[in-house]
Structures are given as structure tokens and as C-alpha cells.
Amino acid sequence: MACKVKGVWSMASELRTGEREAHGRYYAEYVGEVSDEPRDQLQALLDEKDAREWHLVGVVGGLPKGGVIFFWDTERPSFGRRSR
């Protein structure tokens, strides 16, 4: 079961807050209510995750009730490198 806060649903059944850790490496986030200014709302979401150094790896739209699901990678990319 997902929880809702201001149009954004956590797919991990936890409230979405700035202090909450992602569930595992990947995190799915449902944005159900798009404001009158969707560009501003979506840019704010992207900026929030960029500040946490999360990387957008996928987006699903066209859902039955509208909305969008964003898939985030919460770890820094290694680009195939290993620390020695």
C-alpha cells in the first residue's frame, strides 16, 4: 500500500520526506496530481533528487488515472570502475 503526500506517492509504503531513505538502491515515486504549472512541479522534483545525487533511470506515463512514475537510482554511478 502506498502513502500519499501532496500528490506524490511513495511506492515503498512510506511517507515521502526529505529525511526518508530510499528502499534499496532503486526507488519508485508516483506523482499523481500535476499542478497547473507541470513544468515547474516536475523541475522542482528533479532538482530535489539532483540535490540528493539521485539519478533518474526511468519514467512511466499514460497511467489510467493520469500521473507519472519516476524510477530513481539512489547510488552514484560507477561507470564500470571499481575502487582499488
PDB file of N, CA and C in Angstrom:
ATOM      1  N   MET A   1       0.841  -1.174   0.000  1.00  0.00           N
ATOM      2  CA  MET A   1       0.000   0.000   0.000  1.00  0.00           C
ATOM      3  C   MET A   1       0.887   1.238   0.000  1.00  0.00           C
ATOM      4  N   ALA A   2       0.582   2.215  -0.804  1.00  0.00           N
ATOM      5  CA  ALA A   2       1.383   3.434  -0.905  1.00  0.00           C
ATOM      6  C   ALA A   2       0.762   4.539  -0.066  1.00  0.00           C
ATOM      7  N   CYS A   3       1.580   5.485   0.348  1.00  0.00           N
ATOM      8  CA  CYS A   3       1.119   6.637   1.119  1.00  0.00           C
ATOM      9  C   CYS A   3       1.190   7.879   0.249  1.00  0.00           C
ATOM     10  N   LYS A   4       0.286   8.829   0.505  1.00  0.00           N
ATOM     11  CA  LYS A   4       0.202  10.000  -0.346  1.00  0.00           C
ATOM     12  C   LYS A   4       0.466  11.268   0.459  1.00  0.00           C
ATOM     13  N   VAL A   5       1.298  12.139  -0.088  1.00  0.00           N
ATOM     14  CA  VAL A   5       1.551  13.449   0.483  1.00  0.00           C
ATOM     15  C   VAL A   5       1.597  14.441  -0.661  1.00  0.00           C
ATOM     16  N   LYS A   6       0.637  15.358  -0.720  1.00  0.00           N
ATOM     17  CA  LYS A   6       0.594  16.404  -1.737  1.00  0.00           C
ATOM     18  C   LYS A   6       0.788  15.877  -3.154  1.00  0.00           C
ATOM     19  N   GLY A   7       0.067  14.850  -3.521  1.00  0.00           N
ATOM     20  CA  GLY A   7       0.092  14.360  -4.889  1.00  0.00           C
ATOM     21  C   GLY A   7       1.257  13.461  -5.244  1.00  0.00           C
ATOM     22  N   VAL A   8       2.133  13.162  -4.295  1.00  0.00           N
ATOM     23  CA  VAL A   8       3.279  12.295  -4.574  1.00  0.00           C
ATOM     24  C   VAL A   8       3.149  11.054  -3.717  1.00  0.00           C
ATOM     25  N   TRP A   9       3.196   9.899  -4.342  1.00  0.00           N
ATOM     26  CA  TRP A   9       3.061   8.636  -3.645  1.00  0.00           C
ATOM     27  C   TRP A   9       4.390   7.909  -3.626  1.00  0.00           C
ATOM     28  N   SER A  10       4.737   7.373  -2.485  1.00  0.00           N
ATOM     29  CA  SER A  10       5.905   6.520  -2.362  1.00  0.00           C
ATOM     30  C   SER A  10       5.477   5.106  -2.695  1.00  0.00           C
ATOM     31  N   MET A  11       6.207   4.446  -3.544  1.00  0.00           N
ATOM     32  CA  MET A  11       5.875   3.080  -3.915  1.00  0.00           C
ATOM     33  C   MET A  11       6.381   2.093  -2.858  1.00  0.00           C
ATOM     34  N   ALA A  12       7.091   2.585  -1.845  1.00  0.00           N
ATOM     35  CA  ALA A  12       7.637   1.718  -0.801  1.00  0.00           C
ATOM     36  C   ALA A  12       6.801   1.778   0.477  1.00  0.00           C
ATOM     37  N   SER A  13       5.568   2.285   0.396  1.00  0.00           N
ATOM     38  CA  SER A  13       4.642   2.359   1.522  1.00  0.00           C
ATOM     39  C   SER A  13       5.175   3.209   2.672  1.00  0.00           C
ATOM     40  N   GLU A  14       5.932   4.235   2.350  1.00  0.00           N
ATOM     41  CA  GLU A  14       6.452   5.127   3.357  1.00  0.00           C
ATOM     42  C   GLU A  14       6.167   6.552   2.932  1.00  0.00           C
ATOM     43  N   LEU A  15       6.027   7.441   3.901  1.00  0.00           N
ATOM     44  CA  LEU A  15       5.823   8.843   3.574  1.00  0.00           C
ATOM     45  C   LEU A  15       7.049   9.401   2.886  1.00  0.00           C
ATOM     46  N   ARG A  16       6.822  10.273   1.942  1.00  0.00           N
ATOM     47  CA  ARG A  16       7.906  10.925   1.212  1.00  0.00           C
ATOM     48  C   ARG A  16       8.321  12.156   2.002  1.00  0.00           C
ATOM     49  N   THR A  17       9.505  12.134   2.558  1.00  0.00           N
ATOM     50  CA  THR A  17      10.036  13.292   3.268  1.00  0.00           C
ATOM     51  C   THR A  17      11.484  13.473   2.867  1.00  0.00           C
ATOM     52  N   GLY A  18      12.029  14.641   3.156  1.00  0.00           N
ATOM     53  CA  GLY A  18      13.421  14.913   2.821  1.00  0.00           C
ATOM     54  C   GLY A  18      14.392  14.052   3.605  1.00  0.00           C
ATOM     55  N   GLU A  19      13.951  13.534   4.759  1.00  0.00           N
ATOM     56  CA  GLU A  19      14.838  12.764   5.622  1.00  0.00           C
ATOM     57  C   GLU A  19      14.731  11.259   5.391  1.00  0.00           C
ATOM     58  N   ARG A  20      13.723  10.808   4.656  1.00  0.00           N
ATOM     59  CA  ARG A  20      13.491   9.381   4.458  1.00  0.00           C
ATOM     60  C   ARG A  20      14.510   8.785   3.496  1.00  0.00           C
ATOM     61  N   GLU A  21      15.022   7.649   3.834  1.00  0.00           N
ATOM     62  CA  GLU A  21      15.941   6.943   2.953  1.00  0.00           C
ATOM     63  C   GLU A  21      15.158   6.127   1.940  1.00  0.00           C
ATOM     64  N   ALA A  22      15.726   5.928   0.790  1.00  0.00           N
ATOM     65  CA  ALA A  22      15.095   5.107  -0.242  1.00  0.00           C
ATOM     66  C   ALA A  22      15.097   3.646   0.190  1.00  0.00           C
ATOM     67  N   HIS A  23      14.192   2.876  -0.358  1.00  0.00           N
ATOM     68  CA  HIS A  23      14.106   1.449  -0.081  1.00  0.00           C
ATOM     69  C   HIS A  23      15.019   0.726  -1.058  1.00  0.00           C
ATOM     70  N   GLY A  24      16.196   0.337  -0.618  1.00  0.00           N
ATOM     71  CA  GLY A  24      17.158  -0.301  -1.505  1.00  0.00           C
ATOM     72  C   GLY A  24      17.813   0.718  -2.421  1.00  0.00           C
ATOM     73  N   ARG A  25      18.454   0.234  -3.464  1.00  0.00           N
ATOM     74  CA  ARG A  25      19.158   1.135  -4.386  1.00  0.00           C
ATOM     75  C   ARG A  25      18.197   1.901  -5.272  1.00  0.00           C
ATOM     76  N   TYR A  26      17.156   1.251  -5.739  1.00  0.00           N
ATOM     77  CA  TYR A  26      16.218   1.890  -6.663  1.00  0.00           C
ATOM     78  C   TYR A  26      14.944   2.281  -5.933  1.00  0.00           C
ATOM     79  N   TYR A  27      14.352   3.372  -6.367  1.00  0.00           N
ATOM     80  CA  TYR A  27      13.179   3.926  -5.701  1.00  0.00           C
ATOM     81  C   TYR A  27      12.168   4.371  -6.751  1.00  0.00           C
ATOM     82  N   ALA A  28      10.919   3.940  -6.590  1.00  0.00           N
ATOM     83  CA  ALA A  28       9.844   4.335  -7.497  1.00  0.00           C
ATOM     84  C   ALA A  28       8.967   5.359  -6.798  1.00  0.00           C
ATOM     85  N   GLU A  29       8.637   6.432  -7.515  1.00  0.00           N
ATOM     86  CA  GLU A  29       7.849   7.516  -6.932  1.00  0.00           C
ATOM     87  C   GLU A  29       6.718   7.895  -7.884  1.00  0.00           C
ATOM     88  N   TYR A  30       5.491   7.842  -7.388  1.00  0.00           N
ATOM     89  CA  TYR A  30       4.312   8.152  -8.189  1.00  0.00           C
ATOM     90  C   TYR A  30       3.900   9.605  -7.962  1.00  0.00           C
ATOM     91  N   VAL A  31       3.813  10.370  -9.027  1.00  0.00           N
ATOM     92  CA  VAL A  31       3.321  11.744  -8.970  1.00  0.00           C
ATOM     93  C   VAL A  31       1.946  11.716  -9.622  1.00  0.00           C
ATOM     94  N   GLY A  32       0.900  11.819  -8.787  1.00  0.00           N
ATOM     95  CA  GLY A  32      -0.458  11.649  -9.272  1.00  0.00           C
ATOM     96  C   GLY A  32      -1.160  12.933  -9.632  1.00  0.00           C
ATOM     97  N   GLU A  33      -0.886  13.983  -8.925  1.00  0.00           N
ATOM     98  CA  GLU A  33      -1.556  15.247  -9.186  1.00  0.00           C
ATOM     99  C   GLU A  33      -0.557  16.222  -9.776  1.00  0.00           C
ATOM    100  N   VAL A  34      -0.773  16.579 -11.003  1.00  0.00           N
ATOM    101  CA  VAL A  34       0.104  17.539 -11.652  1.00  0.00           C
ATOM    102  C   VAL A  34      -0.554  18.909 -11.522  1.00  0.00           C
ATOM    103  N   SER A  35       0.203  19.879 -11.058  1.00  0.00           N
ATOM    104  CA  SER A  35      -0.327  21.217 -10.815  1.00  0.00           C
ATOM    105  C   SER A  35      -0.656  21.934 -12.125  1.00  0.00           C
ATOM    106  N   ASP A  36      -1.154  23.164 -11.993  1.00  0.00           N
ATOM    107  CA  ASP A  36      -1.440  23.976 -13.173  1.00  0.00           C
ATOM    108  C   ASP A  36      -0.164  24.328 -13.928  1.00  0.00           C
ATOM    109  N   GLU A  37       0.951  24.263 -13.244  1.00  0.00           N
ATOM    110  CA  GLU A  37       2.261  24.533 -13.846  1.00  0.00           C
ATOM    111  C   GLU A  37       3.087  23.242 -13.799  1.00  0.00           C
ATOM    112  N   PRO A  38       2.811  22.266 -14.669  1.00  0.00           N
ATOM    113  CA  PRO A  38       3.503  20.976 -14.575  1.00  0.00           C
ATOM    114  C   PRO A  38       5.006  21.081 -14.760  1.00  0.00           C
ATOM    115  N   ARG A  39       5.447  21.985 -15.613  1.00  0.00           N
ATOM    116  CA  ARG A  39       6.891  22.125 -15.833  1.00  0.00           C
ATOM    117  C   ARG A  39       7.595  22.521 -14.536  1.00  0.00           C
ATOM    118  N   ASP A  40       7.014  23.480 -13.799  1.00  0.00           N
ATOM    119  CA  ASP A  40       7.607  23.920 -12.533  1.00  0.00           C
ATOM    120  C   ASP A  40       7.596  22.800 -11.494  1.00  0.00           C
ATOM    121  N   GLN A  41       6.476  22.058 -11.412  1.00  0.00           N
ATOM    122  CA  GLN A  41       6.362  20.969 -10.446  1.00  0.00           C
ATOM    123  C   GLN A  41       7.386  19.880 -10.736  1.00  0.00           C
ATOM    124  N   LEU A  42       7.495  19.482 -11.990  1.00  0.00           N
ATOM    125  CA  LEU A  42       8.420  18.404 -12.345  1.00  0.00           C
ATOM    126  C   LEU A  42       9.874  18.857 -12.215  1.00  0.00           C
ATOM    127  N   GLN A  43      10.157  20.114 -12.547  1.00  0.00           N
ATOM    128  CA  GLN A  43      11.522  20.625 -12.383  1.00  0.00           C
ATOM    129  C   GLN A  43      11.917  20.658 -10.911  1.00  0.00           C
ATOM    130  N   ALA A  44      10.977  21.022 -10.034  1.00  0.00           N
ATOM    131  CA  ALA A  44      11.253  21.034  -8.597  1.00  0.00           C
ATOM    132  C   ALA A  44      11.579  19.619  -8.100  1.00  0.00           C
ATOM    133  N   LEU A  45      10.847  18.624  -8.602  1.00  0.00           N
ATOM    134  CA  LEU A  45      11.116  17.236  -8.231  1.00  0.00           C
ATOM    135  C   LEU A  45      12.498  16.807  -8.710  1.00  0.00           C
ATOM    136  N   LEU A  46      12.841  17.135  -9.952  1.00  0.00           N
ATOM    137  CA  LEU A  46      14.163  16.794 -10.487  1.00  0.00           C
ATOM    138  C   LEU A  46      15.276  17.474  -9.700  1.00  0.00           C
ATOM    139  N   ASP A  47      15.079  18.753  -9.366  1.00  0.00           N
ATOM    140  CA  ASP A  47      16.081  19.489  -8.590  1.00  0.00           C
ATOM    141  C   ASP A  47      16.264  18.891  -7.196  1.00  0.00           C
ATOM    142  N   GLU A  48      15.145  18.481  -6.571  1.00  0.00           N
ATOM    143  CA  GLU A  48      15.204  17.871  -5.243  1.00  0.00           C
ATOM    144  C   GLU A  48      16.045  16.603  -5.261  1.00  0.00           C
ATOM    145  N   LYS A  49      15.808  15.755  -6.245  1.00  0.00           N
ATOM    146  CA  LYS A  49      16.553  14.497  -6.321  1.00  0.00           C
ATOM    147  C   LYS A  49      18.000  14.721  -6.746  1.00  0.00           C
ATOM    148  N   ASP A  50      18.244  15.703  -7.603  1.00  0.00           N
ATOM    149  CA  ASP A  50      19.610  16.020  -8.014  1.00  0.00           C
ATOM    150  C   ASP A  50      20.428  16.480  -6.809  1.00  0.00           C
ATOM    151  N   ALA A  51      19.808  17.234  -5.921  1.00  0.00           N
ATOM    152  CA  ALA A  51      20.498  17.696  -4.716  1.00  0.00           C
ATOM    153  C   ALA A  51      20.901  16.511  -3.831  1.00  0.00           C
ATOM    154  N   ARG A  52      20.152  15.430  -3.921  1.00  0.00           N
ATOM    155  CA  ARG A  52      20.473  14.215  -3.153  1.00  0.00           C
ATOM    156  C   ARG A  52      21.389  13.283  -3.942  1.00  0.00           C
ATOM    157  N   GLU A  53      21.752  13.692  -5.168  1.00  0.00           N
ATOM    158  CA  GLU A  53      22.595  12.925  -6.083  1.00  0.00           C
ATOM    159  C   GLU A  53      21.935  11.626  -6.531  1.00  0.00           C
ATOM    160  N   TRP A  54      20.611  11.650  -6.671  1.00  0.00           N
ATOM    161  CA  TRP A  54      19.876  10.533  -7.243  1.00  0.00           C
ATOM    162  C   TRP A  54      19.822  10.733  -8.741  1.00  0.00           C
ATOM    163  N   HIS A  55      19.726   9.634  -9.486  1.00  0.00           N
ATOM    164  CA  HIS A  55      19.722   9.692 -10.940  1.00  0.00           C
ATOM    165  C   HIS A  55      18.437   9.072 -11.481  1.00  0.00           C
ATOM    166  N   LEU A  56      17.792   9.790 -12.369  1.00  0.00           N
ATOM    167  CA  LEU A  56      16.566   9.313 -12.994  1.00  0.00           C
ATOM    168  C   LEU A  56      16.916   8.222 -13.995  1.00  0.00           C
ATOM    169  N   VAL A  57      16.325   7.035 -13.824  1.00  0.00           N
ATOM    170  CA  VAL A  57      16.625   5.925 -14.727  1.00  0.00           C
ATOM    171  C   VAL A  57      15.415   5.501 -15.550  1.00  0.00           C
ATOM    172  N   GLY A  58      14.229   6.008 -15.209  1.00  0.00           N
ATOM    173  CA  GLY A  58      13.058   5.639 -15.992  1.00  0.00           C
ATOM    174  C   GLY A  58      11.840   6.448 -15.608  1.00  0.00           C
ATOM    175  N   VAL A  59      10.904   6.539 -16.548  1.00  0.00           N
ATOM    176  CA  VAL A  59       9.654   7.259 -16.335  1.00  0.00           C
ATOM    177  C   VAL A  59       8.544   6.466 -17.025  1.00  0.00           C
ATOM    178  N   VAL A  60       7.404   6.344 -16.345  1.00  0.00           N
ATOM    179  CA  VAL A  60       6.228   5.704 -16.930  1.00  0.00           C
ATOM    180  C   VAL A  60       5.090   6.700 -16.856  1.00  0.00           C
ATOM    181  N   GLY A  61       4.460   6.968 -17.979  1.00  0.00           N
ATOM    182  CA  GLY A  61       3.299   7.854 -18.025  1.00  0.00           C
ATOM    183  C   GLY A  61       2.138   7.132 -18.667  1.00  0.00           C
ATOM    184  N   GLY A  62       1.058   7.860 -18.897  1.00  0.00           N
ATOM    185  CA  GLY A  62      -0.108   7.269 -19.536  1.00  0.00           C
ATOM    186  C   GLY A  62      -0.840   6.286 -18.655  1.00  0.00           C
ATOM    187  N   LEU A  63      -0.786   6.487 -17.355  1.00  0.00           N
ATOM    188  CA  LEU A  63      -1.464   5.603 -16.418  1.00  0.00           C
ATOM    189  C   LEU A  63      -2.971   5.878 -16.429  1.00  0.00           C
ATOM    190  N   PRO A  64      -3.789   4.900 -16.023  1.00  0.00           N
ATOM    191  CA  PRO A  64      -5.242   5.051 -16.109  1.00  0.00           C
ATOM    192  C   PRO A  64      -5.797   6.328 -15.460  1.00  0.00           C
ATOM    193  N   LYS A  65      -5.282   6.731 -14.317  1.00  0.00           N
ATOM    194  CA  LYS A  65      -5.773   7.929 -13.628  1.00  0.00           C
ATOM    195  C   LYS A  65      -4.841   9.114 -13.832  1.00  0.00           C
ATOM    196  N   GLY A  66      -4.039   9.077 -14.861  1.00  0.00           N
ATOM    197  CA  GLY A  66      -3.054  10.131 -15.086  1.00  0.00           C
ATOM    198  C   GLY A  66      -1.859   9.884 -14.189  1.00  0.00           C
ATOM    199  N   GLY A  67      -1.044  10.863 -14.062  1.00  0.00           N
ATOM    200  CA  GLY A  67       0.126  10.716 -13.202  1.00  0.00           C
ATOM    201  C   GLY A  67       1.302  10.092 -13.918  1.00  0.00           C
ATOM    202  N   VAL A  68       2.408  10.067 -13.207  1.00  0.00           N
ATOM    203  CA  VAL A  68       3.678   9.596 -13.748  1.00  0.00           C
ATOM    204  C   VAL A  68       4.415   8.854 -12.639  1.00  0.00           C
ATOM    205  N   ILE A  69       5.123   7.789 -12.993  1.00  0.00           N
ATOM    206  CA  ILE A  69       6.002   7.110 -12.045  1.00  0.00           C
ATOM    207  C   ILE A  69       7.434   7.380 -12.466  1.00  0.00           C
ATOM    208  N   PHE A  70       8.233   7.879 -11.529  1.00  0.00           N
ATOM    209  CA  PHE A  70       9.655   8.121 -11.748  1.00  0.00           C
ATOM    210  C   PHE A  70      10.426   7.008 -11.046  1.00  0.00           C
ATOM    211  N   PHE A  71      11.446   6.474 -11.714  1.00  0.00           N
ATOM    212  CA  PHE A  71      12.319   5.461 -11.132  1.00  0.00           C
ATOM    213  C   PHE A  71      13.697   6.090 -10.934  1.00  0.00           C
ATOM    214  N   TRP A  72      14.162   6.052  -9.684  1.00  0.00           N
ATOM    215  CA  TRP A  72      15.414   6.708  -9.305  1.00  0.00           C
ATOM    216  C   TRP A  72      16.453   5.687  -8.884  1.00  0.00           C
ATOM    217  N   ASP A  73      17.711   5.939  -9.254  1.00  0.00           N
ATOM    218  CA  ASP A  73      18.862   5.186  -8.753  1.00  0.00           C
ATOM    219  C   ASP A  73      19.450   6.052  -7.656  1.00  0.00           C
ATOM    220  N   THR A  74      19.487   5.545  -6.439  1.00  0.00           N
ATOM    221  CA  THR A  74      19.905   6.354  -5.298  1.00  0.00           C
ATOM    222  C   THR A  74      21.401   6.267  -5.009  1.00  0.00           C
ATOM    223  N   GLU A  75      22.145   5.520  -5.835  1.00  0.00           N
ATOM    224  CA  GLU A  75      23.593   5.422  -5.648  1.00  0.00           C
ATOM    225  C   GLU A  75      24.316   6.130  -6.784  1.00  0.00           C
ATOM    226  N   ARG A  76      25.514   6.570  -6.487  1.00  0.00           N
ATOM    227  CA  ARG A  76      26.320   7.213  -7.530  1.00  0.00           C
ATOM    228  C   ARG A  76      26.723   6.180  -8.575  1.00  0.00           C
ATOM    229  N   PRO A  77      26.711   6.553  -9.842  1.00  0.00           N
ATOM    230  CA  PRO A  77      27.117   5.601 -10.880  1.00  0.00           C
ATOM    231  C   PRO A  77      28.618   5.332 -10.813  1.00  0.00           C
ATOM    232  N   SER A  78      29.004   4.099 -11.064  1.00  0.00           N
ATOM    233  CA  SER A  78      30.428   3.735 -11.025  1.00  0.00           C
ATOM    234  C   SER A  78      31.030   3.724 -12.425  1.00  0.00           C
ATOM    235  N   PHE A  79      30.179   3.698 -13.453  1.00  0.00           N
ATOM    236  CA  PHE A  79      30.637   3.640 -14.846  1.00  0.00           C
ATOM    237  C   PHE A  79      31.605   2.481 -15.051  1.00  0.00           C
ATOM    238  N   GLY A  80      31.349   1.369 -14.357  1.00  0.00           N
ATOM    239  CA  GLY A  80      32.163   0.160 -14.518  1.00  0.00           C
ATOM    240  C   GLY A  80      33.486   0.192 -13.759  1.00  0.00           C
ATOM    241  N   ARG A  81      33.750   1.257 -13.032  1.00  0.00           N
ATOM    242  CA  ARG A  81      35.001   1.340 -12.276  1.00  0.00           C
ATOM    243  C   ARG A  81      34.835   0.725 -10.901  1.00  0.00           C
ATOM    244  N   ARG A  82      35.920   0.189 -10.391  1.00  0.00           N
ATOM    245  CA  ARG A  82      35.954  -0.348  -9.038  1.00  0.00           C
ATOM    246  C   ARG A  82      37.032   0.379  -8.274  1.00  0.00           C
ATOM    247  N   SER A  83      36.773   0.614  -6.997  1.00  0.00           N
ATOM    248  CA  SER A  83      37.827   1.232  -6.174  1.00  0.00           C
ATOM    249  C   SER A  83      38.860   0.177  -5.840  1.00  0.00           C
ATOM    250  N   ARG A  84      40.116   0.593  -5.817  1.00  0.00           N
ATOM    251  CA  ARG A  84      41.214  -0.366  -5.561  1.00  0.00           C
ATOM    252  C   ARG A  84      41.852  -0.111  -4.252  1.00  0.00           C
TER     253      ARG A  84
END
